[in-house]
């Protein structure tokens, strides 16, 4: 566990770390990321891609609370043999 050097309290993971940790457990939707408090998830996904992580996005249709069909993104982390080692 990392500690903050100023007040010696456990350091809270960054949003980027939280998104990456969640993606390592399996695919995640934009709605789920929003529920985790990550409202700028598109920026975090872009930062992770720029850092070399292969993340694919698939748009899926779902019904919202009003019965309308809307699209939301589902993000998945591709794990290559090279990154497993």
PDB file of N, CA and C in Angstrom:
ATOM      1  N   UNK A   1       0.836  -1.171   0.000  1.00  0.00           N
ATOM      2  CA  UNK A   1       0.000   0.000   0.000  1.00  0.00           C
ATOM      3  C   UNK A   1       0.887   1.242   0.000  1.00  0.00           C
ATOM      4  N   UNK A   2       0.532   2.214  -0.823  1.00  0.00           N
ATOM      5  CA  UNK A   2       1.281   3.459  -0.888  1.00  0.00           C
ATOM      6  C   UNK A   2       0.759   4.422   0.170  1.00  0.00           C
ATOM      7  N   UNK A   3       1.674   5.261   0.683  1.00  0.00           N
ATOM      8  CA  UNK A   3       1.293   6.248   1.684  1.00  0.00           C
ATOM      9  C   UNK A   3       1.612   7.645   1.187  1.00  0.00           C
ATOM     10  N   UNK A   4       0.777   8.579   1.560  1.00  0.00           N
ATOM     11  CA  UNK A   4       0.986   9.987   1.240  1.00  0.00           C
ATOM     12  C   UNK A   4       2.188  10.477   2.037  1.00  0.00           C
ATOM     13  N   UNK A   5       3.133  11.134   1.373  1.00  0.00           N
ATOM     14  CA  UNK A   5       4.357  11.557   2.053  1.00  0.00           C
ATOM     15  C   UNK A   5       4.131  12.736   2.999  1.00  0.00           C
ATOM     16  N   UNK A   6       3.020  13.433   2.877  1.00  0.00           N
ATOM     17  CA  UNK A   6       2.776  14.603   3.726  1.00  0.00           C
ATOM     18  C   UNK A   6       2.109  14.218   5.037  1.00  0.00           C
ATOM     19  N   UNK A   7       1.040  13.441   4.978  1.00  0.00           N
ATOM     20  CA  UNK A   7       0.311  13.134   6.217  1.00  0.00           C
ATOM     21  C   UNK A   7       0.384  11.660   6.612  1.00  0.00           C
ATOM     22  N   UNK A   8       1.165  10.881   5.889  1.00  0.00           N
ATOM     23  CA  UNK A   8       1.406   9.465   6.195  1.00  0.00           C
ATOM     24  C   UNK A   8       0.128   8.631   6.273  1.00  0.00           C
ATOM     25  N   UNK A   9      -0.887   9.017   5.505  1.00  0.00           N
ATOM     26  CA  UNK A   9      -2.124   8.244   5.417  1.00  0.00           C
ATOM     27  C   UNK A   9      -2.081   7.408   4.145  1.00  0.00           C
ATOM     28  N   UNK A  10      -2.838   6.300   4.113  1.00  0.00           N
ATOM     29  CA  UNK A  10      -2.868   5.514   2.877  1.00  0.00           C
ATOM     30  C   UNK A  10      -3.287   6.387   1.695  1.00  0.00           C
ATOM     31  N   UNK A  11      -2.557   6.238   0.604  1.00  0.00           N
ATOM     32  CA  UNK A  11      -2.818   7.044  -0.591  1.00  0.00           C
ATOM     33  C   UNK A  11      -3.985   6.442  -1.374  1.00  0.00           C
ATOM     34  N   UNK A  12      -4.919   7.291  -1.752  1.00  0.00           N
ATOM     35  CA  UNK A  12      -6.069   6.861  -2.539  1.00  0.00           C
ATOM     36  C   UNK A  12      -5.624   6.624  -3.977  1.00  0.00           C
ATOM     37  N   UNK A  13      -6.009   5.482  -4.577  1.00  0.00           N
ATOM     38  CA  UNK A  13      -5.622   5.240  -5.973  1.00  0.00           C
ATOM     39  C   UNK A  13      -6.214   6.306  -6.893  1.00  0.00           C
ATOM     40  N   UNK A  14      -5.465   6.649  -7.926  1.00  0.00           N
ATOM     41  CA  UNK A  14      -5.968   7.619  -8.897  1.00  0.00           C
ATOM     42  C   UNK A  14      -7.118   6.994  -9.678  1.00  0.00           C
ATOM     43  N   UNK A  15      -7.885   7.837 -10.345  1.00  0.00           N
ATOM     44  CA  UNK A  15      -8.981   7.320 -11.169  1.00  0.00           C
ATOM     45  C   UNK A  15      -8.438   6.384 -12.240  1.00  0.00           C
ATOM     46  N   UNK A  16      -7.298   6.729 -12.817  1.00  0.00           N
ATOM     47  CA  UNK A  16      -6.701   5.876 -13.851  1.00  0.00           C
ATOM     48  C   UNK A  16      -6.370   4.505 -13.279  1.00  0.00           C
ATOM     49  N   UNK A  17      -5.800   4.458 -12.071  1.00  0.00           N
ATOM     50  CA  UNK A  17      -5.490   3.176 -11.425  1.00  0.00           C
ATOM     51  C   UNK A  17      -6.762   2.394 -11.130  1.00  0.00           C
ATOM     52  N   UNK A  18      -7.801   3.095 -10.706  1.00  0.00           N
ATOM     53  CA  UNK A  18      -9.067   2.426 -10.401  1.00  0.00           C
ATOM     54  C   UNK A  18      -9.694   1.828 -11.654  1.00  0.00           C
ATOM     55  N   UNK A  19      -9.649   2.573 -12.772  1.00  0.00           N
ATOM     56  CA  UNK A  19     -10.194   2.055 -14.034  1.00  0.00           C
ATOM     57  C   UNK A  19      -9.394   0.835 -14.475  1.00  0.00           C
ATOM     58  N   UNK A  20      -8.064   0.917 -14.433  1.00  0.00           N
ATOM     59  CA  UNK A  20      -7.231  -0.204 -14.862  1.00  0.00           C
ATOM     60  C   UNK A  20      -7.470  -1.427 -13.979  1.00  0.00           C
ATOM     61  N   UNK A  21      -7.541  -1.241 -12.674  1.00  0.00           N
ATOM     62  CA  UNK A  21      -7.814  -2.368 -11.772  1.00  0.00           C
ATOM     63  C   UNK A  21      -9.158  -3.008 -12.082  1.00  0.00           C
ATOM     64  N   UNK A  22     -10.152  -2.188 -12.378  1.00  0.00           N
ATOM     65  CA  UNK A  22     -11.487  -2.719 -12.709  1.00  0.00           C
ATOM     66  C   UNK A  22     -11.451  -3.472 -14.025  1.00  0.00           C
ATOM     67  N   UNK A  23     -10.741  -2.934 -15.024  1.00  0.00           N
ATOM     68  CA  UNK A  23     -10.642  -3.608 -16.320  1.00  0.00           C
ATOM     69  C   UNK A  23      -9.918  -4.947 -16.206  1.00  0.00           C
ATOM     70  N   UNK A  24      -8.985  -5.058 -15.300  1.00  0.00           N
ATOM     71  CA  UNK A  24      -8.258  -6.324 -15.109  1.00  0.00           C
ATOM     72  C   UNK A  24      -9.174  -7.417 -14.569  1.00  0.00           C
ATOM     73  N   UNK A  25     -10.297  -7.031 -13.972  1.00  0.00           N
ATOM     74  CA  UNK A  25     -11.272  -8.004 -13.462  1.00  0.00           C
ATOM     75  C   UNK A  25     -12.275  -8.427 -14.525  1.00  0.00           C
ATOM     76  N   UNK A  26     -12.343  -7.677 -15.632  1.00  0.00           N
ATOM     77  CA  UNK A  26     -13.299  -7.986 -16.696  1.00  0.00           C
ATOM     78  C   UNK A  26     -13.836  -6.715 -17.314  1.00  0.00           C
ATOM     79  N   UNK A  27     -14.713  -6.878 -18.287  1.00  0.00           N
ATOM     80  CA  UNK A  27     -15.248  -5.713 -18.995  1.00  0.00           C
ATOM     81  C   UNK A  27     -16.095  -4.860 -18.051  1.00  0.00           C
ATOM     82  N   UNK A  28     -16.213  -3.587 -18.412  1.00  0.00           N
ATOM     83  CA  UNK A  28     -16.949  -2.637 -17.577  1.00  0.00           C
ATOM     84  C   UNK A  28     -17.662  -1.648 -18.488  1.00  0.00           C
ATOM     85  N   UNK A  29     -18.855  -1.230 -18.091  1.00  0.00           N
ATOM     86  CA  UNK A  29     -19.611  -0.273 -18.903  1.00  0.00           C
ATOM     87  C   UNK A  29     -19.345   1.150 -18.423  1.00  0.00           C
ATOM     88  N   UNK A  30     -19.683   2.087 -19.296  1.00  0.00           N
ATOM     89  CA  UNK A  30     -19.555   3.498 -18.933  1.00  0.00           C
ATOM     90  C   UNK A  30     -20.419   3.809 -17.710  1.00  0.00           C
ATOM     91  N   UNK A  31     -21.582   3.204 -17.620  1.00  0.00           N
ATOM     92  CA  UNK A  31     -22.465   3.425 -16.474  1.00  0.00           C
ATOM     93  C   UNK A  31     -21.807   2.932 -15.184  1.00  0.00           C
ATOM     94  N   UNK A  32     -21.186   1.747 -15.237  1.00  0.00           N
ATOM     95  CA  UNK A  32     -20.526   1.204 -14.044  1.00  0.00           C
ATOM     96  C   UNK A  32     -19.377   2.104 -13.595  1.00  0.00           C
ATOM     97  N   UNK A  33     -18.618   2.641 -14.556  1.00  0.00           N
ATOM     98  CA  UNK A  33     -17.531   3.552 -14.198  1.00  0.00           C
ATOM     99  C   UNK A  33     -18.084   4.817 -13.554  1.00  0.00           C
ATOM    100  N   UNK A  34     -19.201   5.302 -14.068  1.00  0.00           N
ATOM    101  CA  UNK A  34     -19.842   6.477 -13.465  1.00  0.00           C
ATOM    102  C   UNK A  34     -20.268   6.178 -12.033  1.00  0.00           C
ATOM    103  N   UNK A  35     -20.779   4.972 -11.789  1.00  0.00           N
ATOM    104  CA  UNK A  35     -21.197   4.580 -10.448  1.00  0.00           C
ATOM    105  C   UNK A  35     -20.009   4.474  -9.495  1.00  0.00           C
ATOM    106  N   UNK A  36     -18.816   4.264 -10.050  1.00  0.00           N
ATOM    107  CA  UNK A  36     -17.595   4.221  -9.245  1.00  0.00           C
ATOM    108  C   UNK A  36     -17.069   5.625  -8.957  1.00  0.00           C
ATOM    109  N   UNK A  37     -17.782   6.645  -9.447  1.00  0.00           N
ATOM    110  CA  UNK A  37     -17.355   8.021  -9.230  1.00  0.00           C
ATOM    111  C   UNK A  37     -16.377   8.527 -10.266  1.00  0.00           C
ATOM    112  N   UNK A  38     -16.235   7.793 -11.357  1.00  0.00           N
ATOM    113  CA  UNK A  38     -15.310   8.181 -12.423  1.00  0.00           C
ATOM    114  C   UNK A  38     -16.143   8.766 -13.553  1.00  0.00           C
ATOM    115  N   UNK A  39     -16.409  10.061 -13.462  1.00  0.00           N
ATOM    116  CA  UNK A  39     -17.291  10.711 -14.426  1.00  0.00           C
ATOM    117  C   UNK A  39     -16.564  11.061 -15.714  1.00  0.00           C
ATOM    118  N   UNK A  40     -15.259  11.278 -15.660  1.00  0.00           N
ATOM    119  CA  UNK A  40     -14.476  11.558 -16.866  1.00  0.00           C
ATOM    120  C   UNK A  40     -13.813  10.294 -17.381  1.00  0.00           C
ATOM    121  N   UNK A  41     -14.585   9.212 -17.464  1.00  0.00           N
ATOM    122  CA  UNK A  41     -14.012   7.913 -17.831  1.00  0.00           C
ATOM    123  C   UNK A  41     -13.399   7.914 -19.225  1.00  0.00           C
ATOM    124  N   UNK A  42     -13.946   8.701 -20.164  1.00  0.00           N
ATOM    125  CA  UNK A  42     -13.366   8.731 -21.512  1.00  0.00           C
ATOM    126  C   UNK A  42     -11.925   9.221 -21.486  1.00  0.00           C
ATOM    127  N   UNK A  43     -11.647  10.210 -20.661  1.00  0.00           N
ATOM    128  CA  UNK A  43     -10.278  10.723 -20.536  1.00  0.00           C
ATOM    129  C   UNK A  43      -9.369   9.682 -19.901  1.00  0.00           C
ATOM    130  N   UNK A  44      -9.868   8.971 -18.891  1.00  0.00           N
ATOM    131  CA  UNK A  44      -9.049   7.948 -18.240  1.00  0.00           C
ATOM    132  C   UNK A  44      -8.747   6.802 -19.205  1.00  0.00           C
ATOM    133  N   UNK A  45      -9.740   6.391 -20.007  1.00  0.00           N
ATOM    134  CA  UNK A  45      -9.526   5.334 -20.999  1.00  0.00           C
ATOM    135  C   UNK A  45      -8.481   5.791 -22.014  1.00  0.00           C
ATOM    136  N   UNK A  46      -8.577   7.045 -22.473  1.00  0.00           N
ATOM    137  CA  UNK A  46      -7.618   7.579 -23.437  1.00  0.00           C
ATOM    138  C   UNK A  46      -6.209   7.589 -22.838  1.00  0.00           C
ATOM    139  N   UNK A  47      -6.076   7.997 -21.583  1.00  0.00           N
ATOM    140  CA  UNK A  47      -4.764   8.012 -20.928  1.00  0.00           C
ATOM    141  C   UNK A  47      -4.181   6.607 -20.835  1.00  0.00           C
ATOM    142  N   UNK A  48      -5.015   5.629 -20.508  1.00  0.00           N
ATOM    143  CA  UNK A  48      -4.542   4.248 -20.424  1.00  0.00           C
ATOM    144  C   UNK A  48      -4.113   3.728 -21.792  1.00  0.00           C
ATOM    145  N   UNK A  49      -4.848   4.075 -22.821  1.00  0.00           N
ATOM    146  CA  UNK A  49      -4.462   3.671 -24.179  1.00  0.00           C
ATOM    147  C   UNK A  49      -3.122   4.288 -24.561  1.00  0.00           C
ATOM    148  N   UNK A  50      -2.950   5.555 -24.255  1.00  0.00           N
ATOM    149  CA  UNK A  50      -1.681   6.236 -24.561  1.00  0.00           C
ATOM    150  C   UNK A  50      -0.521   5.634 -23.780  1.00  0.00           C
ATOM    151  N   UNK A  51      -0.811   5.041 -22.630  1.00  0.00           N
ATOM    152  CA  UNK A  51       0.217   4.388 -21.824  1.00  0.00           C
ATOM    153  C   UNK A  51       0.519   2.978 -22.327  1.00  0.00           C
ATOM    154  N   UNK A  52      -0.157   2.550 -23.400  1.00  0.00           N
ATOM    155  CA  UNK A  52       0.135   1.263 -24.012  1.00  0.00           C
ATOM    156  C   UNK A  52      -0.847   0.145 -23.722  1.00  0.00           C
ATOM    157  N   UNK A  53      -1.896   0.407 -22.976  1.00  0.00           N
ATOM    158  CA  UNK A  53      -2.894  -0.630 -22.687  1.00  0.00           C
ATOM    159  C   UNK A  53      -3.860  -0.741 -23.862  1.00  0.00           C
ATOM    160  N   UNK A  54      -4.105  -1.971 -24.281  1.00  0.00           N
ATOM    161  CA  UNK A  54      -5.035  -2.202 -25.391  1.00  0.00           C
ATOM    162  C   UNK A  54      -6.442  -2.358 -24.819  1.00  0.00           C
ATOM    163  N   UNK A  55      -7.259  -1.348 -25.054  1.00  0.00           N
ATOM    164  CA  UNK A  55      -8.632  -1.342 -24.550  1.00  0.00           C
ATOM    165  C   UNK A  55      -9.561  -1.204 -25.740  1.00  0.00           C
ATOM    166  N   UNK A  56     -10.514  -2.129 -25.846  1.00  0.00           N
ATOM    167  CA  UNK A  56     -11.486  -2.043 -26.933  1.00  0.00           C
ATOM    168  C   UNK A  56     -12.821  -1.560 -26.362  1.00  0.00           C
ATOM    169  N   UNK A  57     -13.568  -0.896 -27.226  1.00  0.00           N
ATOM    170  CA  UNK A  57     -14.883  -0.386 -26.848  1.00  0.00           C
ATOM    171  C   UNK A  57     -15.924  -0.990 -27.769  1.00  0.00           C
ATOM    172  N   UNK A  58     -16.971  -1.530 -27.194  1.00  0.00           N
ATOM    173  CA  UNK A  58     -18.101  -2.056 -27.953  1.00  0.00           C
ATOM    174  C   UNK A  58     -19.333  -1.296 -27.477  1.00  0.00           C
ATOM    175  N   UNK A  59     -20.079  -0.754 -28.421  1.00  0.00           N
ATOM    176  CA  UNK A  59     -21.310  -0.051 -28.059  1.00  0.00           C
ATOM    177  C   UNK A  59     -22.441  -1.072 -27.980  1.00  0.00           C
ATOM    178  N   UNK A  60     -23.211  -1.020 -26.904  1.00  0.00           N
ATOM    179  CA  UNK A  60     -24.331  -1.935 -26.735  1.00  0.00           C
ATOM    180  C   UNK A  60     -25.598  -1.140 -26.470  1.00  0.00           C
ATOM    181  N   UNK A  61     -26.711  -1.675 -26.944  1.00  0.00           N
ATOM    182  CA  UNK A  61     -28.000  -1.013 -26.754  1.00  0.00           C
ATOM    183  C   UNK A  61     -28.663  -1.541 -25.490  1.00  0.00           C
ATOM    184  N   UNK A  62     -29.173  -0.613 -24.683  1.00  0.00           N
ATOM    185  CA  UNK A  62     -29.893  -0.962 -23.456  1.00  0.00           C
ATOM    186  C   UNK A  62     -31.100  -0.041 -23.343  1.00  0.00           C
ATOM    187  N   UNK A  63     -32.036  -0.428 -22.505  1.00  0.00           N
ATOM    188  CA  UNK A  63     -33.195   0.437 -22.268  1.00  0.00           C
ATOM    189  C   UNK A  63     -32.946   1.269 -21.021  1.00  0.00           C
ATOM    190  N   UNK A  64     -33.235   2.564 -21.116  1.00  0.00           N
ATOM    191  CA  UNK A  64     -33.089   3.423 -19.945  1.00  0.00           C
ATOM    192  C   UNK A  64     -34.356   3.364 -19.097  1.00  0.00           C
ATOM    193  N   UNK A  65     -34.406   4.163 -18.044  1.00  0.00           N
ATOM    194  CA  UNK A  65     -35.543   4.106 -17.116  1.00  0.00           C
ATOM    195  C   UNK A  65     -36.847   4.559 -17.735  1.00  0.00           C
ATOM    196  N   UNK A  66     -36.782   5.212 -18.907  1.00  0.00           N
ATOM    197  CA  UNK A  66     -37.986   5.677 -19.593  1.00  0.00           C
ATOM    198  C   UNK A  66     -38.422   4.716 -20.697  1.00  0.00           C
ATOM    199  N   UNK A  67     -37.725   3.576 -20.812  1.00  0.00           N
ATOM    200  CA  UNK A  67     -38.062   2.590 -21.826  1.00  0.00           C
ATOM    201  C   UNK A  67     -37.470   2.885 -23.191  1.00  0.00           C
ATOM    202  N   UNK A  68     -36.640   3.910 -23.274  1.00  0.00           N
ATOM    203  CA  UNK A  68     -36.010   4.255 -24.549  1.00  0.00           C
ATOM    204  C   UNK A  68     -34.748   3.426 -24.744  1.00  0.00           C
ATOM    205  N   UNK A  69     -34.464   3.085 -25.988  1.00  0.00           N
ATOM    206  CA  UNK A  69     -33.239   2.370 -26.299  1.00  0.00           C
ATOM    207  C   UNK A  69     -32.112   3.380 -26.470  1.00  0.00           C
ATOM    208  N   UNK A  70     -31.055   3.187 -25.694  1.00  0.00           N
ATOM    209  CA  UNK A  70     -29.883   4.061 -25.756  1.00  0.00           C
ATOM    210  C   UNK A  70     -28.635   3.186 -25.890  1.00  0.00           C
ATOM    211  N   UNK A  71     -27.536   3.800 -26.297  1.00  0.00           N
ATOM    212  CA  UNK A  71     -26.278   3.062 -26.417  1.00  0.00           C
ATOM    213  C   UNK A  71     -25.347   3.458 -25.283  1.00  0.00           C
ATOM    214  N   UNK A  72     -24.584   2.474 -24.827  1.00  0.00           N
ATOM    215  CA  UNK A  72     -23.533   2.746 -23.852  1.00  0.00           C
ATOM    216  C   UNK A  72     -22.312   1.921 -24.230  1.00  0.00           C
ATOM    217  N   UNK A  73     -21.163   2.411 -23.833  1.00  0.00           N
ATOM    218  CA  UNK A  73     -19.919   1.721 -24.161  1.00  0.00           C
ATOM    219  C   UNK A  73     -19.583   0.651 -23.144  1.00  0.00           C
ATOM    220  N   UNK A  74     -19.025  -0.438 -23.644  1.00  0.00           N
ATOM    221  CA  UNK A  74     -18.473  -1.486 -22.774  1.00  0.00           C
ATOM    222  C   UNK A  74     -16.993  -1.590 -23.116  1.00  0.00           C
ATOM    223  N   UNK A  75     -16.158  -1.395 -22.107  1.00  0.00           N
ATOM    224  CA  UNK A  75     -14.714  -1.389 -22.294  1.00  0.00           C
ATOM    225  C   UNK A  75     -14.125  -2.713 -21.832  1.00  0.00           C
ATOM    226  N   UNK A  76     -13.157  -3.216 -22.605  1.00  0.00           N
ATOM    227  CA  UNK A  76     -12.472  -4.460 -22.257  1.00  0.00           C
ATOM    228  C   UNK A  76     -10.980  -4.278 -22.462  1.00  0.00           C
ATOM    229  N   UNK A  77     -10.202  -4.834 -21.548  1.00  0.00           N
ATOM    230  CA  UNK A  77      -8.748  -4.793 -21.627  1.00  0.00           C
ATOM    231  C   UNK A  77      -8.272  -6.058 -22.317  1.00  0.00           C
ATOM    232  N   UNK A  78      -7.519  -5.888 -23.399  1.00  0.00           N
ATOM    233  CA  UNK A  78      -6.930  -7.034 -24.075  1.00  0.00           C
ATOM    234  C   UNK A  78      -5.617  -7.359 -23.385  1.00  0.00           C
ATOM    235  N   UNK A  79      -5.459  -8.606 -22.985  1.00  0.00           N
ATOM    236  CA  UNK A  79      -4.243  -9.021 -22.302  1.00  0.00           C
ATOM    237  C   UNK A  79      -3.451  -9.897 -23.250  1.00  0.00           C
ATOM    238  N   UNK A  80      -2.288  -9.409 -23.657  1.00  0.00           N
ATOM    239  CA  UNK A  80      -1.442 -10.176 -24.568  1.00  0.00           C
ATOM    240  C   UNK A  80      -0.553 -11.110 -23.760  1.00  0.00           C
ATOM    241  N   UNK A  81       0.017 -12.092 -24.438  1.00  0.00           N
ATOM    242  CA  UNK A  81       0.932 -13.024 -23.778  1.00  0.00           C
ATOM    243  C   UNK A  81       2.123 -12.267 -23.198  1.00  0.00           C
ATOM    244  N   UNK A  82       2.568 -11.225 -23.905  1.00  0.00           N
ATOM    245  CA  UNK A  82       3.714 -10.438 -23.461  1.00  0.00           C
ATOM    246  C   UNK A  82       3.424  -9.732 -22.138  1.00  0.00           C
ATOM    247  N   UNK A  83       2.214  -9.207 -21.982  1.00  0.00           N
ATOM    248  CA  UNK A  83       1.889  -8.468 -20.763  1.00  0.00           C
ATOM    249  C   UNK A  83       1.566  -9.383 -19.588  1.00  0.00           C
ATOM    250  N   UNK A  84       1.334 -10.672 -19.838  1.00  0.00           N
ATOM    251  CA  UNK A  84       1.052 -11.611 -18.748  1.00  0.00           C
ATOM    252  C   UNK A  84       2.307 -11.920 -17.942  1.00  0.00           C
ATOM    253  N   UNK A  85       3.463 -11.850 -18.585  1.00  0.00           N
ATOM    254  CA  UNK A  85       4.702 -12.219 -17.891  1.00  0.00           C
ATOM    255  C   UNK A  85       5.324 -11.075 -17.145  1.00  0.00           C
TER     256      UNK A  85
END
